[in-house]
Amino acid sequence: MASKLVVSTFVSLDGVMQAPGGPGEDDANGFPHGGWLAPHVDEKFGEIMGDQLERATGMLLGRRSYDILAAHWPGVPDEEGGAKINSMPKYVTTRTPMTPEWRNTHVLVGEAARTVADLKRDTDGEILVQGSSDLLRTLQEAELVDEYRLLVFPVVLGQGKRLFAEGTAPAGLRFTGSTATGAGVLYVTYEWAGKPSYGSVA
């Protein structure tokens, strides 16, 4: 028994993942570009996200991302995706104990590198990581990420929290697929392949 940990992330062409969903979602460090995802959403984008949610058996979130999603999804109708997300197990990492109000939420108290490793070992299926940029640094450093599913949007933001920020743990990745939407979003997938390999170009 072991779960696969999948990072599913919206990123700009320059790698920014902060506040894609709307203004005010995450204004940390004075980020002024909240809502950059919305103009590029189309039917194909919806199909991609629907497929990811159907495959997932759980969702892993950092505390801030949990608070954002928990304020929105409980009120979403079943036919608009609420049924799947609200019923699936949600795991939130935190150093401070909390009482969750979102249905089917499990709190992982302690150091995330340890609690998420335990979660992967003790569950089966596919756990989807949404947002949670701070948590991602820890998961990357601990080599807990098994796959990246990236939706790359045709926009350059120039500032904000990045998926692979300065100091990210080096890793090799194996390309597994790509497709594009009519709105110009590139969906690319990679599996973790251990440490990077090196060489020289003669």
C-alpha atoms as a PDB file:
ATOM      1  CA  MET A   1       0.000   0.000   0.000  1.00  0.00           C
ATOM      2  CA  ALA A   2       1.322   3.428  -0.977  1.00  0.00           C
ATOM      3  CA  SER A   3      -0.220   6.520  -2.478  1.00  0.00           C
ATOM      4  CA  LYS A   4       1.098   8.485  -5.433  1.00  0.00           C
ATOM      5  CA  LEU A   5       1.580  12.188  -4.662  1.00  0.00           C
ATOM      6  CA  VAL A   6       0.653  14.376  -7.642  1.00  0.00           C
ATOM      7  CA  VAL A   7       1.283  18.122  -7.807  1.00  0.00           C
ATOM      8  CA  SER A   8      -1.410  19.691  -9.991  1.00  0.00           C
ATOM      9  CA  THR A   9      -0.670  23.375 -10.471  1.00  0.00           C
ATOM     10  CA  PHE A  10      -1.647  26.370 -12.567  1.00  0.00           C
ATOM     11  CA  VAL A  11       1.453  28.374 -13.544  1.00  0.00           C
ATOM     12  CA  SER A  12       2.175  31.406 -15.682  1.00  0.00           C
ATOM     13  CA  LEU A  13       4.787  31.088 -18.424  1.00  0.00           C
ATOM     14  CA  ASP A  14       7.377  32.483 -16.001  1.00  0.00           C
ATOM     15  CA  GLY A  15       6.432  29.952 -13.327  1.00  0.00           C
ATOM     16  CA  VAL A  16       4.215  32.013 -11.012  1.00  0.00           C
ATOM     17  CA  MET A  17       1.476  30.052  -9.227  1.00  0.00           C
ATOM     18  CA  GLN A  18       0.154  32.732  -6.862  1.00  0.00           C
ATOM     19  CA  ALA A  19      -3.556  33.691  -6.790  1.00  0.00           C
ATOM     20  CA  PRO A  20      -4.710  32.292 -10.129  1.00  0.00           C
ATOM     21  CA  GLY A  21      -8.375  32.114  -9.158  1.00  0.00           C
ATOM     22  CA  GLY A  22      -9.267  35.715  -8.425  1.00  0.00           C
ATOM     23  CA  PRO A  23      -8.313  39.070  -6.879  1.00  0.00           C
ATOM     24  CA  GLY A  24      -7.800  38.814  -3.131  1.00  0.00           C
ATOM     25  CA  GLU A  25      -7.124  35.081  -3.203  1.00  0.00           C
ATOM     26  CA  ASP A  26      -3.516  35.645  -2.085  1.00  0.00           C
ATOM     27  CA  ASP A  27      -2.217  39.222  -1.929  1.00  0.00           C
ATOM     28  CA  ALA A  28       0.977  38.300  -0.055  1.00  0.00           C
ATOM     29  CA  ASN A  29       3.942  40.583  -0.784  1.00  0.00           C
ATOM     30  CA  GLY A  30       1.638  43.019  -2.572  1.00  0.00           C
ATOM     31  CA  PHE A  31       0.849  40.648  -5.456  1.00  0.00           C
ATOM     32  CA  PRO A  32      -1.378  42.656  -7.853  1.00  0.00           C
ATOM     33  CA  HIS A  33      -2.285  40.026 -10.468  1.00  0.00           C
ATOM     34  CA  GLY A  34      -4.924  37.870  -8.764  1.00  0.00           C
ATOM     35  CA  GLY A  35      -7.281  36.184 -11.226  1.00  0.00           C
ATOM     36  CA  TRP A  36      -4.880  35.692 -14.130  1.00  0.00           C
ATOM     37  CA  LEU A  37      -6.309  32.229 -14.875  1.00  0.00           C
ATOM     38  CA  ALA A  38      -9.917  33.218 -15.630  1.00  0.00           C
ATOM     39  CA  PRO A  39      -9.552  34.674 -19.167  1.00  0.00           C
ATOM     40  CA  HIS A  40      -8.081  31.386 -20.408  1.00  0.00           C
ATOM     41  CA  VAL A  41     -10.655  28.917 -19.071  1.00  0.00           C
ATOM     42  CA  ASP A  42     -12.511  26.944 -21.742  1.00  0.00           C
ATOM     43  CA  GLU A  43     -14.199  23.581 -22.233  1.00  0.00           C
ATOM     44  CA  LYS A  44     -10.930  21.684 -22.703  1.00  0.00           C
ATOM     45  CA  PHE A  45      -9.563  23.166 -19.477  1.00  0.00           C
ATOM     46  CA  GLY A  46     -12.674  21.925 -17.681  1.00  0.00           C
ATOM     47  CA  GLU A  47     -12.206  18.443 -19.117  1.00  0.00           C
ATOM     48  CA  ILE A  48      -8.590  18.305 -17.917  1.00  0.00           C
ATOM     49  CA  MET A  49      -9.492  19.380 -14.401  1.00  0.00           C
ATOM     50  CA  GLY A  50     -12.490  17.051 -14.292  1.00  0.00           C
ATOM     51  CA  ASP A  51     -10.284  14.105 -15.231  1.00  0.00           C
ATOM     52  CA  GLN A  52      -7.750  14.970 -12.533  1.00  0.00           C
ATOM     53  CA  LEU A  53     -10.413  15.155  -9.850  1.00  0.00           C
ATOM     54  CA  GLU A  54     -11.986  11.881 -10.942  1.00  0.00           C
ATOM     55  CA  ARG A  55      -8.633  10.096 -10.681  1.00  0.00           C
ATOM     56  CA  ALA A  56      -7.821  11.538  -7.261  1.00  0.00           C
ATOM     57  CA  THR A  57      -8.591   9.619  -4.094  1.00  0.00           C
ATOM     58  CA  GLY A  58      -7.597  12.495  -1.810  1.00  0.00           C
ATOM     59  CA  MET A  59      -6.362  16.080  -1.732  1.00  0.00           C
ATOM     60  CA  LEU A  60      -3.380  17.473   0.202  1.00  0.00           C
ATOM     61  CA  LEU A  61      -3.262  21.142   1.167  1.00  0.00           C
ATOM     62  CA  GLY A  62      -1.139  23.540   3.156  1.00  0.00           C
ATOM     63  CA  ARG A  63      -2.966  25.554   5.806  1.00  0.00           C
ATOM     64  CA  ARG A  64      -3.391  28.739   3.730  1.00  0.00           C
ATOM     65  CA  SER A  65      -4.650  26.905   0.632  1.00  0.00           C
ATOM     66  CA  TYR A  66      -6.975  24.877   2.832  1.00  0.00           C
ATOM     67  CA  ASP A  67      -8.519  28.052   4.261  1.00  0.00           C
ATOM     68  CA  ILE A  68      -9.052  29.464   0.736  1.00  0.00           C
ATOM     69  CA  LEU A  69     -10.685  26.312  -0.636  1.00  0.00           C
ATOM     70  CA  ALA A  70     -12.690  25.585   2.513  1.00  0.00           C
ATOM     71  CA  ALA A  71     -14.275  29.041   2.244  1.00  0.00           C
ATOM     72  CA  HIS A  72     -15.501  28.270  -1.287  1.00  0.00           C
ATOM     73  CA  TRP A  73     -16.160  24.599  -2.034  1.00  0.00           C
ATOM     74  CA  PRO A  74     -18.683  23.579   0.656  1.00  0.00           C
ATOM     75  CA  GLY A  75     -21.219  25.856  -1.029  1.00  0.00           C
ATOM     76  CA  VAL A  76     -20.606  24.649  -4.586  1.00  0.00           C
ATOM     77  CA  PRO A  77     -23.491  22.569  -6.025  1.00  0.00           C
ATOM     78  CA  ASP A  78     -22.859  18.877  -6.627  1.00  0.00           C
ATOM     79  CA  GLU A  79     -23.335  19.202 -10.379  1.00  0.00           C
ATOM     80  CA  GLU A  80     -20.631  21.904 -10.564  1.00  0.00           C
ATOM     81  CA  GLY A  81     -17.954  19.714  -9.010  1.00  0.00           C
ATOM     82  CA  GLY A  82     -18.866  20.077  -5.387  1.00  0.00           C
ATOM     83  CA  ALA A  83     -19.896  16.434  -4.969  1.00  0.00           C
ATOM     84  CA  LYS A  84     -16.439  15.045  -5.749  1.00  0.00           C
ATOM     85  CA  ILE A  85     -14.324  17.582  -3.872  1.00  0.00           C
ATOM     86  CA  ASN A  86     -16.529  17.814  -0.796  1.00  0.00           C
ATOM     87  CA  SER A  87     -16.803  14.038  -0.427  1.00  0.00           C
ATOM     88  CA  MET A  88     -13.158  13.099  -1.011  1.00  0.00           C
ATOM     89  CA  PRO A  89     -10.678  12.985   1.885  1.00  0.00           C
ATOM     90  CA  LYS A  90      -8.822  16.267   2.386  1.00  0.00           C
ATOM     91  CA  TYR A  91      -5.534  16.345   4.284  1.00  0.00           C
ATOM     92  CA  VAL A  92      -4.235  19.621   5.676  1.00  0.00           C
ATOM     93  CA  THR A  93      -0.711  19.982   7.034  1.00  0.00           C
ATOM     94  CA  THR A  94      -0.178  22.250  10.019  1.00  0.00           C
ATOM     95  CA  ARG A  95       2.170  22.667  12.946  1.00  0.00           C
ATOM     96  CA  THR A  96      -0.711  23.891  15.092  1.00  0.00           C
ATOM     97  CA  PRO A  97      -3.723  21.687  15.924  1.00  0.00           C
ATOM     98  CA  MET A  98      -6.991  22.878  14.362  1.00  0.00           C
ATOM     99  CA  THR A  99     -10.624  21.824  14.186  1.00  0.00           C
ATOM    100  CA  PRO A 100     -11.638  21.552  10.525  1.00  0.00           C
ATOM    101  CA  GLU A 101     -15.145  22.496   9.412  1.00  0.00           C
ATOM    102  CA  TRP A 102     -14.892  21.239   5.816  1.00  0.00           C
ATOM    103  CA  ARG A 103     -16.383  17.766   5.524  1.00  0.00           C
ATOM    104  CA  ASN A 104     -13.942  14.815   5.354  1.00  0.00           C
ATOM    105  CA  THR A 105     -10.897  16.846   6.372  1.00  0.00           C
ATOM    106  CA  HIS A 106      -8.047  15.138   8.217  1.00  0.00           C
ATOM    107  CA  VAL A 107      -5.487  17.269  10.044  1.00  0.00           C
ATOM    108  CA  LEU A 108      -1.805  16.259   9.829  1.00  0.00           C
ATOM    109  CA  VAL A 109      -0.120  17.930  12.795  1.00  0.00           C
ATOM    110  CA  GLY A 110       3.677  18.166  12.845  1.00  0.00           C
ATOM    111  CA  GLU A 111       6.508  18.500  10.353  1.00  0.00           C
ATOM    112  CA  ALA A 112       5.075  18.034   6.852  1.00  0.00           C
ATOM    113  CA  ALA A 113       7.999  15.963   5.582  1.00  0.00           C
ATOM    114  CA  ARG A 114       7.170  13.320   8.181  1.00  0.00           C
ATOM    115  CA  THR A 115       3.374  13.523   8.225  1.00  0.00           C
ATOM    116  CA  VAL A 116       3.071  13.414   4.423  1.00  0.00           C
ATOM    117  CA  ALA A 117       5.524  10.516   4.167  1.00  0.00           C
ATOM    118  CA  ASP A 118       3.366   8.659   6.690  1.00  0.00           C
ATOM    119  CA  LEU A 119       0.226   9.561   4.726  1.00  0.00           C
ATOM    120  CA  LYS A 120       1.683   8.185   1.495  1.00  0.00           C
ATOM    121  CA  ARG A 121       2.710   4.969   3.219  1.00  0.00           C
ATOM    122  CA  ASP A 122      -0.615   4.405   4.971  1.00  0.00           C
ATOM    123  CA  THR A 123      -3.002   5.148   2.088  1.00  0.00           C
ATOM    124  CA  ASP A 124      -3.540   3.895  -1.432  1.00  0.00           C
ATOM    125  CA  GLY A 125      -4.469   5.726  -4.620  1.00  0.00           C
ATOM    126  CA  GLU A 126      -3.622   9.198  -5.883  1.00  0.00           C
ATOM    127  CA  ILE A 127      -3.315  12.258  -3.634  1.00  0.00           C
ATOM    128  CA  LEU A 128      -3.593  15.598  -5.426  1.00  0.00           C
ATOM    129  CA  VAL A 129      -1.679  18.628  -4.140  1.00  0.00           C
ATOM    130  CA  GLN A 130      -3.454  21.889  -5.008  1.00  0.00           C
ATOM    131  CA  GLY A 131      -1.768  25.297  -4.608  1.00  0.00           C
ATOM    132  CA  SER A 132       0.158  25.227  -1.318  1.00  0.00           C
ATOM    133  CA  SER A 133       3.386  26.838  -2.536  1.00  0.00           C
ATOM    134  CA  ASP A 134       5.058  26.790   0.894  1.00  0.00           C
ATOM    135  CA  LEU A 135       4.179  23.132   1.437  1.00  0.00           C
ATOM    136  CA  LEU A 136       5.583  22.268  -2.006  1.00  0.00           C
ATOM    137  CA  ARG A 137       9.075  23.382  -0.982  1.00  0.00           C
ATOM    138  CA  THR A 138       9.015  20.863   1.842  1.00  0.00           C
ATOM    139  CA  LEU A 139       7.647  18.074  -0.353  1.00  0.00           C
ATOM    140  CA  GLN A 140      10.258  18.743  -3.039  1.00  0.00           C
ATOM    141  CA  GLU A 141      13.110  18.795  -0.512  1.00  0.00           C
ATOM    142  CA  ALA A 142      11.922  15.502   0.989  1.00  0.00           C
ATOM    143  CA  GLU A 143      11.540  13.928  -2.501  1.00  0.00           C
ATOM    144  CA  LEU A 144       7.893  13.109  -1.847  1.00  0.00           C
ATOM    145  CA  VAL A 145       6.482  14.382  -5.166  1.00  0.00           C
ATOM    146  CA  ASP A 146       5.871  11.538  -7.642  1.00  0.00           C
ATOM    147  CA  GLU A 147       4.371  13.492 -10.547  1.00  0.00           C
ATOM    148  CA  TYR A 148       3.800  17.038 -11.788  1.00  0.00           C
ATOM    149  CA  ARG A 149       0.725  17.950 -13.844  1.00  0.00           C
ATOM    150  CA  LEU A 150       1.199  21.526 -14.925  1.00  0.00           C
ATOM    151  CA  LEU A 151      -1.233  23.802 -16.713  1.00  0.00           C
ATOM    152  CA  VAL A 152       0.940  26.544 -18.184  1.00  0.00           C
ATOM    153  CA  PHE A 153      -0.972  29.718 -19.049  1.00  0.00           C
ATOM    154  CA  PRO A 154      -0.060  32.193 -21.804  1.00  0.00           C
ATOM    155  CA  VAL A 155       0.708  35.068 -19.461  1.00  0.00           C
ATOM    156  CA  VAL A 156       3.914  36.501 -17.944  1.00  0.00           C
ATOM    157  CA  LEU A 157       3.505  38.043 -14.484  1.00  0.00           C
ATOM    158  CA  GLY A 158       7.037  38.985 -13.465  1.00  0.00           C
ATOM    159  CA  GLN A 159       6.492  38.520  -9.734  1.00  0.00           C
ATOM    160  CA  GLY A 160       4.839  36.216  -7.228  1.00  0.00           C
ATOM    161  CA  LYS A 161       5.244  32.811  -5.626  1.00  0.00           C
ATOM    162  CA  ARG A 162       6.795  30.320  -8.027  1.00  0.00           C
ATOM    163  CA  LEU A 163       6.446  26.577  -8.351  1.00  0.00           C
ATOM    164  CA  PHE A 164      10.216  26.174  -8.583  1.00  0.00           C
ATOM    165  CA  ALA A 165      11.595  29.058  -6.562  1.00  0.00           C
ATOM    166  CA  GLU A 166      15.253  29.851  -5.970  1.00  0.00           C
ATOM    167  CA  GLY A 167      16.638  27.121  -3.715  1.00  0.00           C
ATOM    168  CA  THR A 168      14.245  24.366  -4.865  1.00  0.00           C
ATOM    169  CA  ALA A 169      15.783  20.915  -4.411  1.00  0.00           C
ATOM    170  CA  PRO A 170      17.318  19.681  -7.712  1.00  0.00           C
ATOM    171  CA  ALA A 171      15.429  16.824  -9.370  1.00  0.00           C
ATOM    172  CA  GLY A 172      15.309  14.966 -12.640  1.00  0.00           C
ATOM    173  CA  LEU A 173      11.940  14.664 -14.386  1.00  0.00           C
ATOM    174  CA  ARG A 174      10.634  12.297 -17.061  1.00  0.00           C
ATOM    175  CA  PHE A 175       8.261  13.773 -19.648  1.00  0.00           C
ATOM    176  CA  THR A 176       5.034  11.746 -19.924  1.00  0.00           C
ATOM    177  CA  GLY A 177       2.641  13.784 -22.037  1.00  0.00           C
ATOM    178  CA  SER A 178       1.248  17.097 -23.250  1.00  0.00           C
ATOM    179  CA  THR A 179      -1.802  18.654 -24.832  1.00  0.00           C
ATOM    180  CA  ALA A 180      -3.043  22.197 -25.460  1.00  0.00           C
ATOM    181  CA  THR A 181      -6.385  23.927 -25.058  1.00  0.00           C
ATOM    182  CA  GLY A 182      -7.992  26.248 -27.562  1.00  0.00           C
ATOM    183  CA  ALA A 183      -7.314  29.151 -25.209  1.00  0.00           C
ATOM    184  CA  GLY A 184      -3.580  28.497 -25.369  1.00  0.00           C
ATOM    185  CA  VAL A 185      -3.043  26.648 -22.072  1.00  0.00           C
ATOM    186  CA  LEU A 186      -0.385  23.952 -22.313  1.00  0.00           C
ATOM    187  CA  TYR A 187      -0.964  20.875 -20.131  1.00  0.00           C
ATOM    188  CA  VAL A 188       2.285  18.985 -19.516  1.00  0.00           C
ATOM    189  CA  THR A 189       3.011  16.029 -17.239  1.00  0.00           C
ATOM    190  CA  TYR A 190       6.267  14.789 -15.742  1.00  0.00           C
ATOM    191  CA  GLU A 191       7.242  11.973 -13.384  1.00  0.00           C
ATOM    192  CA  TRP A 192       9.948  12.389 -10.760  1.00  0.00           C
ATOM    193  CA  ALA A 193      13.113  10.580 -11.871  1.00  0.00           C
ATOM    194  CA  GLY A 194      15.525  11.033  -8.982  1.00  0.00           C
ATOM    195  CA  LYS A 195      18.521  13.329  -9.056  1.00  0.00           C
ATOM    196  CA  PRO A 196      19.362  15.285 -12.233  1.00  0.00           C
ATOM    197  CA  SER A 197      21.868  13.770 -14.639  1.00  0.00           C
ATOM    198  CA  TYR A 198      24.676  15.887 -16.106  1.00  0.00           C
ATOM    199  CA  GLY A 199      26.977  15.915 -19.081  1.00  0.00           C
ATOM    200  CA  SER A 200      28.557  18.201 -21.628  1.00  0.00           C
ATOM    201  CA  VAL A 201      27.707  19.193 -25.170  1.00  0.00           C
ATOM    202  CA  ALA A 202      30.778  18.779 -27.371  1.00  0.00           C
END
